[in-house]
Protein backbone atom coordinates (compact mmCIF):
# COMPACT_ATOMS: atom_id res chain seq x y z
CA MET A 1 155.97 282.57 84.34
CA ILE A 2 152.23 282.13 84.58
CA ALA A 3 149.41 284.45 83.58
CA ALA A 4 145.66 284.31 83.21
CA GLU A 5 144.87 284.67 79.54
CA HIS A 6 142.30 287.39 79.88
CA LEU A 7 143.36 288.60 83.32
CA THR A 8 147.04 288.19 82.47
CA ASP A 9 149.07 289.27 85.49
CA HIS A 10 152.63 288.53 86.63
CA ARG A 11 154.26 289.01 90.00
CA GLU A 12 157.58 289.62 91.83
CA SER A 13 159.05 291.49 94.82
CA GLU A 14 162.42 292.76 96.01
CA ASN A 15 163.08 294.24 99.44
CA PHE A 16 166.17 296.47 99.16
CA GLY A 17 168.07 293.99 97.03
CA ARG A 18 166.57 290.84 98.55
CA ILE A 19 164.20 288.96 96.25
CA ILE A 20 160.89 287.87 97.76
CA GLN A 21 159.52 285.42 95.22
CA ASN A 22 157.20 282.43 95.29
CA GLU A 23 158.21 279.55 93.05
CA THR A 24 156.02 278.70 90.09
CA ARG A 25 153.75 275.75 90.87
CA ASP A 26 151.68 273.34 88.78
CA SER A 27 148.38 273.57 90.64
CA LEU A 28 145.95 276.22 89.46
CA HIS A 29 145.37 277.82 92.83
CA THR A 30 149.00 277.93 93.88
CA ALA A 31 150.14 279.12 90.45
CA ILE A 32 148.17 282.32 90.93
CA GLY A 33 150.40 283.04 93.93
CA ASN A 34 153.56 283.50 91.87
CA HIS A 35 154.34 287.19 92.23
CA GLU A 36 157.01 289.77 91.48
CA THR A 37 156.92 293.46 92.50
CA GLN A 38 159.69 296.04 92.85
CA GLU A 39 160.05 297.53 96.32
CA SER A 40 162.45 300.41 96.95
CA ILE A 41 163.45 301.77 100.35
CA GLY A 42 165.14 304.74 98.67
CA GLY A 43 162.05 305.54 96.60
CA GLU A 44 162.26 306.76 93.01
CA ALA A 45 165.96 307.59 93.24
CA ASP A 46 166.94 303.96 93.92
CA LEU A 47 165.00 302.30 91.09
CA HIS A 48 167.86 302.46 88.57
CA LYS A 49 170.21 301.10 91.25
CA HIS A 50 167.95 298.05 91.72
CA ARG A 51 167.93 297.43 87.98
CA GLY A 52 171.73 297.57 87.81
CA GLU A 53 172.04 295.09 90.69
CA CYS A 54 169.40 292.64 89.41
CA PRO A 55 170.67 289.07 90.05
CA LYS A 56 167.87 287.40 88.10
CA ASN A 57 168.52 288.84 84.65
CA PRO A 58 171.99 290.45 84.52
CA GLY A 59 172.21 293.05 81.79
CA HIS A 60 168.51 292.65 81.02
CA THR A 61 169.43 291.24 77.62
CA LYS A 62 165.87 290.00 77.02
CA PHE A 63 164.46 293.51 77.35
CA ILE A 64 164.08 295.82 74.35
CA PRO A 65 163.60 299.53 75.16
CA VAL A 66 160.26 300.52 73.71
CA ASP A 67 161.67 303.66 72.09
CA THR A 68 164.16 301.58 70.06
CA PHE A 69 161.84 298.63 69.37
CA THR A 70 161.58 297.91 65.62
CA ILE A 71 159.98 295.34 63.37
CA GLN A 72 163.36 293.55 63.23
CA ASN A 73 162.98 292.67 66.93
CA LEU A 74 160.05 290.40 66.07
CA PRO A 75 160.77 286.66 65.60
CA GLU A 76 161.40 285.47 62.07
CA GLY A 77 158.13 284.58 60.43
CA HIS A 78 156.28 287.26 62.38
CA ARG A 79 157.95 290.40 61.06
CA ASN A 80 154.89 292.14 59.73
CA TYR A 81 153.94 295.76 60.18
CA LEU A 82 150.51 295.05 61.68
CA LEU A 83 151.95 293.02 64.57
CA TYR A 84 154.59 295.69 65.13
CA LYS A 85 151.87 298.37 65.30
CA TYR A 86 149.89 296.21 67.72
CA ILE A 87 152.80 295.92 70.16
CA LYS A 88 153.49 299.64 69.91
CA ALA A 89 149.80 300.40 70.52
CA ILE A 90 149.79 298.33 73.72
CA ALA A 91 153.03 299.99 74.79
CA GLU A 92 151.35 303.40 74.48
CA LEU A 93 148.67 302.24 76.93
CA THR A 94 151.04 300.62 79.44
CA VAL A 95 151.66 302.65 82.61
CA ARG A 96 153.84 302.36 85.66
CA VAL A 97 151.87 301.94 88.89
CA SER A 98 153.48 303.32 92.07
CA VAL A 99 152.10 302.61 95.56
CA GLN A 100 153.32 303.97 98.90
CA LYS A 101 150.96 302.33 101.38
CA VAL A 102 150.26 298.79 102.54
CA SER A 103 146.67 298.05 103.52
CA PRO A 104 146.05 296.35 106.89
CA ASN A 105 143.36 294.34 105.09
CA ARG A 106 145.80 292.21 103.10
CA PRO A 107 145.33 288.49 103.83
CA GLU A 108 148.02 286.41 105.46
CA VAL A 109 148.03 283.85 102.63
CA TRP A 110 146.94 283.57 99.01
CA PRO A 111 143.38 282.21 98.59
CA LYS A 112 143.12 278.41 98.82
CA THR A 113 146.85 278.09 99.63
CA ASN A 114 149.23 278.34 102.57
CA ASP A 115 151.57 280.61 100.61
CA PRO A 116 152.33 283.99 102.22
CA TYR A 117 150.54 286.92 100.62
CA PRO A 118 152.87 289.76 99.53
CA PHE A 119 153.45 292.50 102.10
CA TYR A 120 151.04 291.07 104.67
CA ASN A 121 151.49 292.87 107.99
CA ASN A 122 154.05 295.22 106.40
CA LYS A 123 153.80 298.62 108.08
CA THR A 124 156.42 300.39 105.95
CA ARG A 125 155.70 303.09 103.38
CA GLN A 126 158.34 301.99 100.89
CA LEU A 127 157.70 302.65 97.22
CA ARG A 128 156.35 299.65 95.31
CA THR A 129 156.04 299.67 91.54
CA GLY A 130 154.19 297.54 89.02
CA SER A 131 152.62 297.97 85.60
CA GLY A 132 149.08 298.35 84.32
CA MET A 133 147.19 298.88 81.09
CA VAL A 134 144.84 301.76 80.32
CA GLY A 135 141.49 301.13 78.65
CA TYR A 136 138.03 302.56 77.98
CA VAL A 137 139.03 306.22 77.87
CA ASN A 138 136.06 308.60 77.84
CA LYS A 139 135.72 312.35 77.73
CA PHE A 140 133.07 313.88 79.98
CA THR A 141 131.65 317.38 80.27
CA SER A 142 129.33 319.00 82.78
CA ASN A 143 126.74 319.14 80.00
CA GLY A 144 126.85 315.41 79.37
CA LEU A 145 128.94 312.53 78.14
CA LYS A 146 130.66 312.42 74.79
CA LYS A 147 129.55 308.81 74.33
CA GLU A 148 132.05 306.33 72.92
CA TYR A 149 132.01 303.09 74.92
CA ARG A 150 128.66 303.47 76.74
CA GLN A 151 130.47 304.52 79.87
CA LYS A 152 128.74 306.64 82.51
CA THR A 153 130.01 308.79 85.35
CA LYS A 154 128.52 309.75 88.68
CA TYR A 155 130.43 313.03 88.68
CA SER A 156 129.28 316.41 87.39
CA LYS A 157 132.74 318.01 87.54
CA CYS A 158 136.32 316.82 87.35
CA TRP A 159 137.31 314.93 90.49
CA CYS A 160 141.11 314.90 90.16
CA ARG A 161 143.13 315.97 93.21
CA LYS A 162 143.64 319.48 91.88
CA CYS A 163 139.94 319.99 91.18
CA GLU A 164 138.89 318.43 94.50
CA CYS A 165 140.53 321.36 96.26
CA SER A 166 139.40 324.00 93.77
CA GLU A 167 136.41 326.32 93.97
CA SER A 168 136.17 326.10 90.18
CA PRO A 169 136.81 322.47 89.15
CA SER A 170 137.14 321.75 85.46
CA SER A 171 133.92 321.11 83.55
CA VAL A 172 135.79 318.89 81.05
CA TRP A 173 137.64 315.76 82.10
CA TRP A 174 138.62 312.24 81.01
CA GLU A 175 138.02 309.01 82.91
CA PHE A 176 139.69 305.69 82.10
CA ASP A 177 140.24 302.23 83.54
CA THR A 178 143.62 300.82 84.48
CA VAL A 179 144.00 297.10 85.19
CA THR A 180 146.89 295.90 87.33
CA ALA A 181 147.51 293.14 89.90
CA ALA A 182 145.62 293.00 93.20
CA HIS A 183 148.85 292.40 95.09
CA VAL A 184 150.09 295.76 93.76
CA VAL A 185 146.94 297.77 94.60
CA PHE A 186 144.93 295.74 97.07
CA ASP A 187 142.07 298.06 98.06
CA GLU A 188 140.91 301.67 98.38
CA ILE A 189 143.37 302.34 101.21
CA GLU A 190 146.27 301.62 98.87
CA ALA A 191 144.56 303.34 95.93
CA ASN A 192 144.59 306.58 97.94
CA HIS A 193 148.39 306.34 97.87
CA THR A 194 148.74 305.25 94.24
CA SER A 195 149.92 307.17 91.19
CA LEU A 196 150.38 306.28 87.53
CA ARG A 197 153.23 307.40 85.31
CA LEU A 198 152.21 307.56 81.65
CA PHE A 199 154.36 307.55 78.49
CA TYR A 200 157.49 306.59 80.45
CA ASP A 201 159.30 305.35 77.33
CA SER A 202 162.88 306.37 78.13
CA ALA A 203 164.97 307.75 80.97
CA ASP A 204 164.45 311.31 79.73
CA SER A 205 160.69 311.06 79.06
CA SER A 206 158.55 313.96 80.23
CA LEU A 207 156.76 313.38 83.53
CA PHE A 208 153.03 312.68 83.12
CA LEU A 209 151.40 311.61 86.38
CA ILE A 210 147.88 310.61 87.39
CA ASP A 211 147.53 310.89 91.17
CA LYS A 212 143.81 310.25 91.62
CA VAL A 213 142.53 306.68 91.27
CA ILE A 214 139.73 304.70 92.90
CA VAL A 215 139.16 300.95 93.07
CA VAL A 216 136.36 299.61 90.87
CA ASP A 217 136.89 295.89 91.39
CA VAL A 218 139.41 293.56 93.04
CA ASN A 219 139.71 289.79 92.60
CA VAL A 220 142.38 288.50 94.96
CA GLU A 221 142.17 284.90 93.73
CA TYR A 222 142.83 285.98 90.12
CA ASP A 223 145.20 288.74 91.33
CA ARG A 224 143.37 291.40 89.37
CA CYS A 225 142.56 295.00 90.30
CA LYS A 226 140.63 297.46 88.15
CA LEU A 227 141.07 301.15 88.89
CA LYS A 228 139.10 304.17 87.70
CA CYS A 229 141.37 307.12 86.94
CA VAL A 230 140.78 310.77 86.04
CA THR A 231 142.52 313.75 84.46
CA CYS A 232 141.46 317.17 83.23
CA ASP A 233 144.78 317.75 81.46
CA GLN A 234 143.61 318.27 77.89
CA ARG A 235 146.79 317.06 76.20
CA LEU A 236 146.95 313.95 78.37
CA GLY A 237 143.26 313.17 77.99
CA GLU A 238 143.25 313.59 74.23
CA ASP A 239 146.39 311.48 73.81
CA LEU A 240 144.95 308.65 75.92
CA GLU A 241 141.63 308.79 74.08
CA LYS A 242 143.38 308.68 70.71
CA ASN A 243 145.66 305.80 71.74
CA TRP A 244 142.80 303.74 73.12
CA LYS A 245 140.67 304.17 70.00
CA HIS A 246 143.62 303.22 67.81
CA TYR A 247 144.17 300.03 69.81
CA ALA A 248 140.54 298.99 70.31
CA ASN A 249 139.08 299.96 66.94
CA ASP A 250 141.98 299.32 64.61
CA VAL A 251 145.00 297.16 65.37
CA TRP A 252 143.53 294.74 67.92
CA ARG A 253 140.69 293.65 65.66
CA LYS A 254 143.01 293.11 62.70
CA VAL A 255 145.58 291.16 64.72
CA LYS A 256 142.85 289.00 66.25
CA SER A 257 141.52 288.24 62.78
CA ASN A 258 144.97 287.38 61.42
CA TYR A 259 146.22 285.30 64.36
CA TYR A 260 143.14 283.77 65.97
CA LYS A 261 143.23 280.45 64.10
CA SER A 262 146.99 279.98 64.53
CA ARG A 263 147.36 281.38 68.06
CA ASP A 264 147.69 277.95 69.69
CA VAL A 265 150.21 276.90 67.03
CA ASP A 266 152.38 280.03 66.97
CA LYS A 267 152.07 280.50 70.77
CA LEU A 268 153.47 283.99 70.28
CA THR A 269 153.42 286.20 73.37
CA PHE A 270 154.93 289.50 74.41
CA ILE A 271 155.15 291.62 77.54
CA VAL A 272 155.36 295.38 77.91
CA SER A 273 156.59 296.34 81.38
CA HIS A 274 158.53 298.76 83.55
CA PRO A 275 161.32 296.51 84.95
CA HIS A 276 162.44 297.72 88.37
CA GLY A 277 160.06 300.67 87.96
CA CYS A 278 162.25 302.10 85.20
CA SER A 279 161.38 303.02 81.61
CA LYS A 280 159.21 300.81 79.42
CA GLN A 281 160.59 297.62 77.85
CA VAL A 282 159.30 294.90 75.50
CA SER A 283 159.95 291.15 75.86
CA ILE A 284 158.91 288.59 73.23
CA GLY A 285 158.61 284.82 73.53
CA HIS A 286 156.29 281.83 73.24
CA TRP A 287 153.94 280.41 75.83
CA LYS A 288 154.47 276.84 76.97
CA ASP A 289 151.15 275.55 78.26
CA LYS A 290 147.58 276.43 79.30
CA VAL A 291 145.59 275.58 82.42
CA LYS A 292 141.80 276.00 82.28
CA VAL A 293 140.53 278.44 84.92
CA ASP A 294 136.88 278.69 83.96
CA GLU A 295 134.72 278.95 80.88
CA ASN A 296 136.20 282.31 79.88
CA SER A 297 139.78 282.16 81.15
CA ASN A 298 143.00 280.18 80.88
CA LEU A 299 146.28 280.39 82.74
CA ILE A 300 149.17 280.85 80.33
CA ILE A 301 152.50 279.29 81.40
CA PHE A 302 155.28 281.42 79.98
CA PRO A 303 158.85 280.11 80.54
CA HIS A 304 160.58 283.44 79.99
CA CYS A 305 163.20 285.17 82.11
CA SER A 306 162.28 288.70 81.12
CA VAL A 307 159.92 289.58 83.97
CA SER A 308 162.29 290.73 86.68
CA HIS A 309 161.34 292.80 89.72
CA GLN A 310 158.18 294.01 88.11
CA THR A 311 154.52 293.16 88.23
CA VAL A 312 153.36 293.11 84.65
CA LYS A 313 149.71 293.66 84.04
CA LYS A 314 149.53 291.98 80.70
CA LEU A 315 151.09 289.01 79.00
CA ASN A 316 149.75 289.42 75.48
CA HIS A 317 148.74 286.21 73.75
CA VAL A 318 148.65 287.20 70.07
CA GLY A 319 145.27 286.31 68.56
CA LYS A 320 143.35 286.36 71.85
CA ILE A 321 139.60 286.95 71.77
CA LYS A 322 139.38 289.77 74.33
CA TYR A 323 141.03 293.19 74.59
């Protein structure tokens, strides 16, 4: 598997049991084209069926359900409580991304390659699922911003789907970013048919959905899409805000400090994902190699079988400089 160190995306696709997957390649530009995304003709109801029939990773033995993940699941030599808290904090911010539209603007091939771009010229409305990570959660009010991360908003009221149709939209709301892969959410056309499922930690988790997102930025070459999302659900907003502050202000800084000098020796990585669009799982391993992308980014080559039928937003290189 390959990921950009501070973009960090993975890719894959299945079409009703048939895997559509580009092989991993050595060249920088073609490596970006390796993709994996779950596609389901039967929608939500068929996701567990796809997982049970997965030919790539039978039994999903490399996946650890996030709700049963413990410090003992960490590799020997890395079983410390801080690292465990760090993984759990990222898991709290990992969301399932569901899309039910294919944009006519998708390119025929990946940039600077002849490799077919996922779902090009696909007119179906089959459910596609991937993963993303929430960040920069901010509470807004009609009277002004509760400033935390110097974020601003152009809205004076909540702009979620419920409030859009209401004569009395909420005067208190939360906005946050979600980063996923561009081949999962390509543009605003697809964003209009995108929803996020939050806190999907087990098969019986409560249903928390965000159904209003807009595209902030898309980089097709790096396979990165940043979405702006909104909710006026107080419980949801407060939980997201709390989880983001815990990650950004507490555990991430401490882990970076502890692992920065040894990160290229330990090569410890982990993935939090929603395999086959099902409940959240953790995979742990070690990266194999790096390819320089530019001054601020590297591609991480990760020879791990855990990423099956799921676009994973984030391969986490322990000790990395950025969030």
